[in-house]
Amino acid sequence: MDVEVLPCIGYFPMPDLTDKAVIVIDVLRATSTVITALANGCRVVVPVCGIEEAREIKAGESGVLLGGERRAQRIDGFDLGNSPSDYSPEVVSGKKVVITTTNGTKAIQAAQEASKIWIASLLNADSVTEAVKLFLARHEEIRGLVIICAGTEERFDLPDTICAGMILAGLGSGFSINDLGLAARMMYNISRENIKETLKNSRHGQYMLSIGMECDIDFCALVNIYSVVPVYQHGQITIEKIDG
């Protein structure tokens, strides 16, 4: 099976995703935040591209929390930012969260024509990898796997690429991987013992350090602390229940 890793969202036209499965990654921080929210009991996460769209959803439904960022900062009037620490069990358990971010939510929505969409980061990479392998083994009609790195403002992003490489390393043999995927796997193997420092030295990591968000990087660099497998379907993200 062909596996294609995309470096960022918005830089070039999205490939045809018909009959393909997709993994969306935004390590710093959208997918890490979504995964944390769901692991902490959030009922459902609705990713949207626009700030006004998020506000309209909240206006039409009681009990909805708004989360998100622009330039890594919480949006004025929103309940939550895009820091995983905002999404504690006390805040999000049983709640619906509508979230909009600069890169990650755009990447998720761009994948909506795919047959299956998983949400991954370093926090749950192994669990998503195992879910992907099980799904592909059961669905011979799927004709390819696409790993979408959200990137940073339509640019290549090292943290996302390392996570893609970790997933590819876990998938094992039997896949035809594009050159970026091969490079991602090599980058992961090189940096696997010092992922936190690699994230901090990345361009986006340096920006986050400059605005006092080192704690977010430290958390997002944690590997496989969650076993949840979030999936995006019908406009929302929920935890997938894996059978056998």
C-alpha atoms as a PDB file:
ATOM      1  CA  MET A   1       0.000   0.000   0.000  1.00  0.00           C
ATOM      2  CA  ASP A   2       1.169   3.525  -0.806  1.00  0.00           C
ATOM      3  CA  VAL A   3       1.785   5.905   2.098  1.00  0.00           C
ATOM      4  CA  GLU A   4       2.125   9.616   1.351  1.00  0.00           C
ATOM      5  CA  VAL A   5       3.306  12.140   3.935  1.00  0.00           C
ATOM      6  CA  LEU A   6       2.307  15.751   3.245  1.00  0.00           C
ATOM      7  CA  PRO A   7       4.555  18.485   4.740  1.00  0.00           C
ATOM      8  CA  CYS A   8       1.894  21.073   5.567  1.00  0.00           C
ATOM      9  CA  ILE A   9      -1.623  22.213   4.848  1.00  0.00           C
ATOM     10  CA  GLY A  10      -2.422  24.841   2.221  1.00  0.00           C
ATOM     11  CA  TYR A  11       0.899  24.816   0.374  1.00  0.00           C
ATOM     12  CA  PHE A  12      -0.376  22.759  -2.548  1.00  0.00           C
ATOM     13  CA  PRO A  13      -3.639  21.129  -3.646  1.00  0.00           C
ATOM     14  CA  MET A  14      -4.783  18.244  -1.487  1.00  0.00           C
ATOM     15  CA  PRO A  15      -4.485  14.874  -3.278  1.00  0.00           C
ATOM     16  CA  ASP A  16      -7.596  12.879  -4.053  1.00  0.00           C
ATOM     17  CA  LEU A  17      -8.542  11.215  -0.755  1.00  0.00           C
ATOM     18  CA  THR A  18     -11.335   9.028  -2.128  1.00  0.00           C
ATOM     19  CA  ASP A  19     -11.014   5.503  -0.708  1.00  0.00           C
ATOM     20  CA  LYS A  20      -7.985   6.548   1.342  1.00  0.00           C
ATOM     21  CA  ALA A  21      -7.339   6.674   5.066  1.00  0.00           C
ATOM     22  CA  VAL A  22      -5.795   9.762   6.676  1.00  0.00           C
ATOM     23  CA  ILE A  23      -3.873  10.588   9.831  1.00  0.00           C
ATOM     24  CA  VAL A  24      -3.771  14.273  10.808  1.00  0.00           C
ATOM     25  CA  ILE A  25      -0.907  15.527  12.995  1.00  0.00           C
ATOM     26  CA  ASP A  26      -0.351  18.899  14.674  1.00  0.00           C
ATOM     27  CA  VAL A  27       2.015  18.255  17.567  1.00  0.00           C
ATOM     28  CA  LEU A  28       2.319  21.941  18.593  1.00  0.00           C
ATOM     29  CA  ARG A  29      -0.527  21.941  19.463  1.00  0.00           C
ATOM     30  CA  ALA A  30      -3.960  21.327  17.985  1.00  0.00           C
ATOM     31  CA  THR A  31      -4.049  17.541  17.818  1.00  0.00           C
ATOM     32  CA  SER A  32      -2.204  17.252  21.135  1.00  0.00           C
ATOM     33  CA  THR A  33      -4.894  19.446  22.684  1.00  0.00           C
ATOM     34  CA  VAL A  34      -7.788  17.535  21.105  1.00  0.00           C
ATOM     35  CA  ILE A  35      -6.333  14.227  22.281  1.00  0.00           C
ATOM     36  CA  THR A  36      -5.874  15.572  25.813  1.00  0.00           C
ATOM     37  CA  ALA A  37      -9.422  16.932  25.916  1.00  0.00           C
ATOM     38  CA  LEU A  38     -10.903  13.586  24.891  1.00  0.00           C
ATOM     39  CA  ALA A  39      -8.654  11.653  27.258  1.00  0.00           C
ATOM     40  CA  ASN A  40      -9.921  13.917  30.044  1.00  0.00           C
ATOM     41  CA  GLY A  41     -13.555  13.118  29.389  1.00  0.00           C
ATOM     42  CA  CYS A  42     -14.588  15.660  26.763  1.00  0.00           C
ATOM     43  CA  ARG A  43     -17.671  14.293  25.009  1.00  0.00           C
ATOM     44  CA  VAL A  44     -16.951  15.633  21.522  1.00  0.00           C
ATOM     45  CA  VAL A  45     -14.644  18.138  19.816  1.00  0.00           C
ATOM     46  CA  VAL A  46     -15.859  20.098  16.792  1.00  0.00           C
ATOM     47  CA  PRO A  47     -12.989  21.545  14.728  1.00  0.00           C
ATOM     48  CA  VAL A  48     -13.807  24.620  12.642  1.00  0.00           C
ATOM     49  CA  CYS A  49     -11.681  26.963  10.562  1.00  0.00           C
ATOM     50  CA  GLY A  50     -13.181  30.333  11.463  1.00  0.00           C
ATOM     51  CA  ILE A  51     -13.616  32.274  14.689  1.00  0.00           C
ATOM     52  CA  GLU A  52     -17.094  33.486  13.775  1.00  0.00           C
ATOM     53  CA  GLU A  53     -18.197  29.959  12.861  1.00  0.00           C
ATOM     54  CA  ALA A  54     -17.165  28.814  16.333  1.00  0.00           C
ATOM     55  CA  ARG A  55     -19.077  31.656  17.967  1.00  0.00           C
ATOM     56  CA  GLU A  56     -22.193  30.898  15.930  1.00  0.00           C
ATOM     57  CA  ILE A  57     -22.179  27.270  17.103  1.00  0.00           C
ATOM     58  CA  LYS A  58     -21.924  28.348  20.734  1.00  0.00           C
ATOM     59  CA  ALA A  59     -24.686  30.917  20.283  1.00  0.00           C
ATOM     60  CA  GLY A  60     -27.044  28.207  19.062  1.00  0.00           C
ATOM     61  CA  GLU A  61     -26.338  25.603  21.722  1.00  0.00           C
ATOM     62  CA  SER A  62     -26.018  25.855  25.488  1.00  0.00           C
ATOM     63  CA  GLY A  63     -23.093  24.431  27.413  1.00  0.00           C
ATOM     64  CA  VAL A  64     -20.581  24.590  24.564  1.00  0.00           C
ATOM     65  CA  LEU A  65     -16.999  25.605  25.316  1.00  0.00           C
ATOM     66  CA  LEU A  66     -14.970  27.583  22.783  1.00  0.00           C
ATOM     67  CA  GLY A  67     -11.255  26.862  22.450  1.00  0.00           C
ATOM     68  CA  GLY A  68      -8.530  27.934  20.113  1.00  0.00           C
ATOM     69  CA  GLU A  69      -5.751  30.299  19.178  1.00  0.00           C
ATOM     70  CA  ARG A  70      -4.336  32.722  16.673  1.00  0.00           C
ATOM     71  CA  ARG A  71      -0.562  33.190  16.673  1.00  0.00           C
ATOM     72  CA  ALA A  72      -0.527  30.708  19.587  1.00  0.00           C
ATOM     73  CA  GLN A  73      -2.546  33.062  21.811  1.00  0.00           C
ATOM     74  CA  ARG A  74      -6.064  32.492  23.172  1.00  0.00           C
ATOM     75  CA  ILE A  75      -8.772  34.175  21.096  1.00  0.00           C
ATOM     76  CA  ASP A  76     -10.527  37.070  22.792  1.00  0.00           C
ATOM     77  CA  GLY A  77     -13.776  35.939  24.406  1.00  0.00           C
ATOM     78  CA  PHE A  78     -13.019  32.226  24.129  1.00  0.00           C
ATOM     79  CA  ASP A  79     -13.279  29.952  27.155  1.00  0.00           C
ATOM     80  CA  LEU A  80     -10.041  28.105  26.453  1.00  0.00           C
ATOM     81  CA  GLY A  81      -6.847  28.523  24.501  1.00  0.00           C
ATOM     82  CA  ASN A  82      -4.899  25.842  22.668  1.00  0.00           C
ATOM     83  CA  SER A  83      -2.839  24.646  25.618  1.00  0.00           C
ATOM     84  CA  PRO A  84      -3.473  21.027  26.621  1.00  0.00           C
ATOM     85  CA  SER A  85      -3.394  22.177  30.249  1.00  0.00           C
ATOM     86  CA  ASP A  86      -6.562  24.222  29.636  1.00  0.00           C
ATOM     87  CA  TYR A  87      -8.507  21.005  28.993  1.00  0.00           C
ATOM     88  CA  SER A  88      -8.474  19.416  32.430  1.00  0.00           C
ATOM     89  CA  PRO A  89     -11.132  16.887  33.491  1.00  0.00           C
ATOM     90  CA  GLU A  90     -12.709  19.507  35.752  1.00  0.00           C
ATOM     91  CA  VAL A  91     -13.209  21.812  32.767  1.00  0.00           C
ATOM     92  CA  VAL A  92     -14.096  19.535  29.846  1.00  0.00           C
ATOM     93  CA  SER A  93     -15.533  16.292  31.223  1.00  0.00           C
ATOM     94  CA  GLY A  94     -18.875  15.624  29.554  1.00  0.00           C
ATOM     95  CA  LYS A  95     -18.652  18.840  27.539  1.00  0.00           C
ATOM     96  CA  LYS A  96     -18.721  19.696  23.850  1.00  0.00           C
ATOM     97  CA  VAL A  97     -15.768  21.807  22.734  1.00  0.00           C
ATOM     98  CA  VAL A  98     -15.640  23.815  19.514  1.00  0.00           C
ATOM     99  CA  ILE A  99     -12.051  24.584  18.565  1.00  0.00           C
ATOM    100  CA  THR A 100     -10.368  26.679  15.883  1.00  0.00           C
ATOM    101  CA  THR A 101      -6.613  26.956  15.387  1.00  0.00           C
ATOM    102  CA  THR A 102      -4.239  28.454  12.864  1.00  0.00           C
ATOM    103  CA  ASN A 103      -3.174  25.175  11.259  1.00  0.00           C
ATOM    104  CA  GLY A 104      -4.560  22.023  12.868  1.00  0.00           C
ATOM    105  CA  THR A 105      -8.292  22.484  12.410  1.00  0.00           C
ATOM    106  CA  LYS A 106      -7.735  23.458   8.771  1.00  0.00           C
ATOM    107  CA  ALA A 107      -5.808  20.235   8.231  1.00  0.00           C
ATOM    108  CA  ILE A 108      -8.593  18.178   9.783  1.00  0.00           C
ATOM    109  CA  GLN A 109     -11.288  19.771   7.647  1.00  0.00           C
ATOM    110  CA  ALA A 110      -9.161  19.442   4.511  1.00  0.00           C
ATOM    111  CA  ALA A 111      -9.162  15.671   5.010  1.00  0.00           C
ATOM    112  CA  GLN A 112     -12.926  15.240   5.262  1.00  0.00           C
ATOM    113  CA  GLU A 113     -13.312  13.402   1.924  1.00  0.00           C
ATOM    114  CA  ALA A 114     -11.218  10.483   3.198  1.00  0.00           C
ATOM    115  CA  SER A 115     -12.800   7.169   4.150  1.00  0.00           C
ATOM    116  CA  LYS A 116     -11.257   7.289   7.621  1.00  0.00           C
ATOM    117  CA  ILE A 117      -9.544  10.072   9.573  1.00  0.00           C
ATOM    118  CA  TRP A 118      -7.522   9.627  12.764  1.00  0.00           C
ATOM    119  CA  ILE A 119      -6.152  12.397  14.978  1.00  0.00           C
ATOM    120  CA  ALA A 120      -2.606  11.799  16.198  1.00  0.00           C
ATOM    121  CA  SER A 121       0.303  13.374  18.034  1.00  0.00           C
ATOM    122  CA  LEU A 122       3.241  12.093  20.022  1.00  0.00           C
ATOM    123  CA  LEU A 123       0.868  11.680  22.966  1.00  0.00           C
ATOM    124  CA  ASN A 124      -0.999   8.757  21.355  1.00  0.00           C
ATOM    125  CA  ALA A 125       1.110   7.755  18.339  1.00  0.00           C
ATOM    126  CA  ASP A 126       1.359   4.047  19.142  1.00  0.00           C
ATOM    127  CA  SER A 127      -2.365   3.657  19.793  1.00  0.00           C
ATOM    128  CA  VAL A 128      -3.230   5.328  16.503  1.00  0.00           C
ATOM    129  CA  THR A 129      -0.637   3.212  14.692  1.00  0.00           C
ATOM    130  CA  GLU A 130      -2.179  -0.003  16.001  1.00  0.00           C
ATOM    131  CA  ALA A 131      -5.677   1.215  15.069  1.00  0.00           C
ATOM    132  CA  VAL A 132      -4.484   2.022  11.556  1.00  0.00           C
ATOM    133  CA  LYS A 133      -2.914  -1.402  11.098  1.00  0.00           C
ATOM    134  CA  LEU A 134      -6.079  -3.123  12.278  1.00  0.00           C
ATOM    135  CA  PHE A 135      -8.280  -0.990  10.023  1.00  0.00           C
ATOM    136  CA  LEU A 136      -6.155  -1.560   6.924  1.00  0.00           C
ATOM    137  CA  ALA A 137      -6.082  -5.309   7.557  1.00  0.00           C
ATOM    138  CA  ARG A 138      -9.892  -5.351   7.646  1.00  0.00           C
ATOM    139  CA  HIS A 139     -10.570  -3.002   4.713  1.00  0.00           C
ATOM    140  CA  GLU A 140      -8.977  -4.153   1.492  1.00  0.00           C
ATOM    141  CA  GLU A 141     -10.876  -1.480  -0.436  1.00  0.00           C
ATOM    142  CA  ILE A 142      -8.676   1.258   1.055  1.00  0.00           C
ATOM    143  CA  ARG A 143      -6.166   2.212  -1.630  1.00  0.00           C
ATOM    144  CA  GLY A 144      -3.721   4.324   0.319  1.00  0.00           C
ATOM    145  CA  LEU A 145      -2.755   6.054   3.563  1.00  0.00           C
ATOM    146  CA  VAL A 146      -2.061   9.791   3.734  1.00  0.00           C
ATOM    147  CA  ILE A 147      -0.375  11.390   6.739  1.00  0.00           C
ATOM    148  CA  ILE A 148      -1.118  15.111   6.838  1.00  0.00           C
ATOM    149  CA  CYS A 149       1.314  17.238   8.823  1.00  0.00           C
ATOM    150  CA  ALA A 150      -0.529  20.458   9.608  1.00  0.00           C
ATOM    151  CA  GLY A 151       2.690  22.447   9.471  1.00  0.00           C
ATOM    152  CA  THR A 152       3.176  26.003  10.658  1.00  0.00           C
ATOM    153  CA  GLU A 153       1.508  28.727   8.581  1.00  0.00           C
ATOM    154  CA  GLU A 154       1.805  26.688   5.368  1.00  0.00           C
ATOM    155  CA  ARG A 155       5.418  25.713   6.049  1.00  0.00           C
ATOM    156  CA  PHE A 156       7.178  22.447   6.787  1.00  0.00           C
ATOM    157  CA  ASP A 157       7.121  21.678  10.519  1.00  0.00           C
ATOM    158  CA  LEU A 158       9.717  19.492  12.227  1.00  0.00           C
ATOM    159  CA  PRO A 159       7.587  18.341  15.218  1.00  0.00           C
ATOM    160  CA  ASP A 160       4.790  17.077  12.960  1.00  0.00           C
ATOM    161  CA  THR A 161       7.258  15.345  10.671  1.00  0.00           C
ATOM    162  CA  ILE A 162       8.965  13.542  13.542  1.00  0.00           C
ATOM    163  CA  CYS A 163       5.575  12.278  14.728  1.00  0.00           C
ATOM    164  CA  ALA A 164       4.820  11.061  11.198  1.00  0.00           C
ATOM    165  CA  GLY A 165       8.144   9.236  11.248  1.00  0.00           C
ATOM    166  CA  MET A 166       7.280   7.595  14.559  1.00  0.00           C
ATOM    167  CA  ILE A 167       4.016   6.304  13.121  1.00  0.00           C
ATOM    168  CA  LEU A 168       5.755   5.036  10.001  1.00  0.00           C
ATOM    169  CA  ALA A 169       8.339   3.226  12.126  1.00  0.00           C
ATOM    170  CA  GLY A 170       5.490   1.553  13.982  1.00  0.00           C
ATOM    171  CA  LEU A 171       3.652   0.529  10.819  1.00  0.00           C
ATOM    172  CA  GLY A 172       6.558  -1.676   9.795  1.00  0.00           C
ATOM    173  CA  SER A 173       7.174  -3.155   6.354  1.00  0.00           C
ATOM    174  CA  GLY A 174       4.796  -3.744   3.460  1.00  0.00           C
ATOM    175  CA  PHE A 175       4.247  -0.090   2.568  1.00  0.00           C
ATOM    176  CA  SER A 176       5.520   2.025  -0.308  1.00  0.00           C
ATOM    177  CA  ILE A 177       6.443   5.322   1.350  1.00  0.00           C
ATOM    178  CA  ASN A 178       7.083   8.629  -0.406  1.00  0.00           C
ATOM    179  CA  ASP A 179      10.403  10.426   0.021  1.00  0.00           C
ATOM    180  CA  LEU A 180       9.158  12.776   2.732  1.00  0.00           C
ATOM    181  CA  GLY A 181       7.880   9.761   4.654  1.00  0.00           C
ATOM    182  CA  LEU A 182      11.274   8.077   4.398  1.00  0.00           C
ATOM    183  CA  ALA A 183      12.933  11.293   5.579  1.00  0.00           C
ATOM    184  CA  ALA A 184      10.429  11.575   8.434  1.00  0.00           C
ATOM    185  CA  ARG A 185      11.242   8.088   9.610  1.00  0.00           C
ATOM    186  CA  MET A 186      14.953   8.854   9.509  1.00  0.00           C
ATOM    187  CA  MET A 187      14.436  12.100  11.443  1.00  0.00           C
ATOM    188  CA  TYR A 188      12.449  10.249  14.080  1.00  0.00           C
ATOM    189  CA  ASN A 189      15.130   7.582  14.466  1.00  0.00           C
ATOM    190  CA  ILE A 190      17.786  10.279  14.856  1.00  0.00           C
ATOM    191  CA  SER A 191      15.845  12.347  17.388  1.00  0.00           C
ATOM    192  CA  ARG A 192      13.894   9.707  19.316  1.00  0.00           C
ATOM    193  CA  GLU A 193      16.149   9.986  22.380  1.00  0.00           C
ATOM    194  CA  ASN A 194      15.847  13.780  22.603  1.00  0.00           C
ATOM    195  CA  ILE A 195      12.437  14.633  21.213  1.00  0.00           C
ATOM    196  CA  LYS A 196      11.797  17.432  23.702  1.00  0.00           C
ATOM    197  CA  GLU A 197      14.937  19.319  22.714  1.00  0.00           C
ATOM    198  CA  THR A 198      14.203  18.751  19.046  1.00  0.00           C
ATOM    199  CA  LEU A 199      10.761  20.302  19.468  1.00  0.00           C
ATOM    200  CA  LYS A 200      12.221  23.263  21.346  1.00  0.00           C
ATOM    201  CA  ASN A 201      14.817  23.846  18.626  1.00  0.00           C
ATOM    202  CA  SER A 202      12.229  23.828  15.827  1.00  0.00           C
ATOM    203  CA  ARG A 203      11.080  27.150  14.407  1.00  0.00           C
ATOM    204  CA  HIS A 204       7.641  26.955  15.999  1.00  0.00           C
ATOM    205  CA  GLY A 205       9.157  25.673  19.214  1.00  0.00           C
ATOM    206  CA  GLN A 206      11.417  28.725  19.341  1.00  0.00           C
ATOM    207  CA  TYR A 207       8.424  30.993  18.849  1.00  0.00           C
ATOM    208  CA  MET A 208       6.516  29.283  21.641  1.00  0.00           C
ATOM    209  CA  LEU A 209       9.504  29.617  23.958  1.00  0.00           C
ATOM    210  CA  SER A 210       9.664  33.327  23.145  1.00  0.00           C
ATOM    211  CA  ILE A 211       6.091  33.833  24.374  1.00  0.00           C
ATOM    212  CA  GLY A 212       6.485  31.762  27.533  1.00  0.00           C
ATOM    213  CA  MET A 213       4.965  28.432  26.438  1.00  0.00           C
ATOM    214  CA  GLU A 214       7.764  26.055  27.405  1.00  0.00           C
ATOM    215  CA  CYS A 215       5.366  23.991  29.539  1.00  0.00           C
ATOM    216  CA  ASP A 216       3.222  23.282  26.489  1.00  0.00           C
ATOM    217  CA  ILE A 217       6.238  22.030  24.550  1.00  0.00           C
ATOM    218  CA  ASP A 218       7.293  19.830  27.467  1.00  0.00           C
ATOM    219  CA  PHE A 219       3.844  18.279  27.587  1.00  0.00           C
ATOM    220  CA  CYS A 220       3.425  17.841  23.824  1.00  0.00           C
ATOM    221  CA  ALA A 221       6.824  16.089  23.695  1.00  0.00           C
ATOM    222  CA  LEU A 222       5.579  13.288  25.957  1.00  0.00           C
ATOM    223  CA  VAL A 223       5.319   9.999  24.092  1.00  0.00           C
ATOM    224  CA  ASN A 224       2.362   7.610  24.307  1.00  0.00           C
ATOM    225  CA  ILE A 225       0.866   8.848  27.553  1.00  0.00           C
ATOM    226  CA  TYR A 226      -2.653   8.331  26.172  1.00  0.00           C
ATOM    227  CA  SER A 227      -4.269   5.291  24.574  1.00  0.00           C
ATOM    228  CA  VAL A 228      -7.249   7.139  23.092  1.00  0.00           C
ATOM    229  CA  VAL A 229      -7.790   6.921  19.323  1.00  0.00           C
ATOM    230  CA  PRO A 230      -9.744   9.976  18.160  1.00  0.00           C
ATOM    231  CA  VAL A 231     -11.531   9.848  14.805  1.00  0.00           C
ATOM    232  CA  TYR A 232     -13.097  12.657  12.801  1.00  0.00           C
ATOM    233  CA  GLN A 233     -16.427  11.955  11.150  1.00  0.00           C
ATOM    234  CA  HIS A 234     -19.598  13.915  10.443  1.00  0.00           C
ATOM    235  CA  GLY A 235     -17.858  17.125  11.458  1.00  0.00           C
ATOM    236  CA  GLN A 236     -16.798  16.068  14.936  1.00  0.00           C
ATOM    237  CA  ILE A 237     -14.053  14.192  16.765  1.00  0.00           C
ATOM    238  CA  THR A 238     -14.827  11.401  19.201  1.00  0.00           C
ATOM    239  CA  ILE A 239     -12.952   8.447  20.671  1.00  0.00           C
ATOM    240  CA  GLU A 240     -13.034   5.346  18.522  1.00  0.00           C
ATOM    241  CA  LYS A 241     -13.847   2.074  20.255  1.00  0.00           C
ATOM    242  CA  ILE A 242     -11.494  -0.596  18.958  1.00  0.00           C
ATOM    243  CA  ASP A 243     -12.788  -4.155  18.695  1.00  0.00           C
ATOM    244  CA  GLY A 244     -10.216  -6.921  18.929  1.00  0.00           C
END
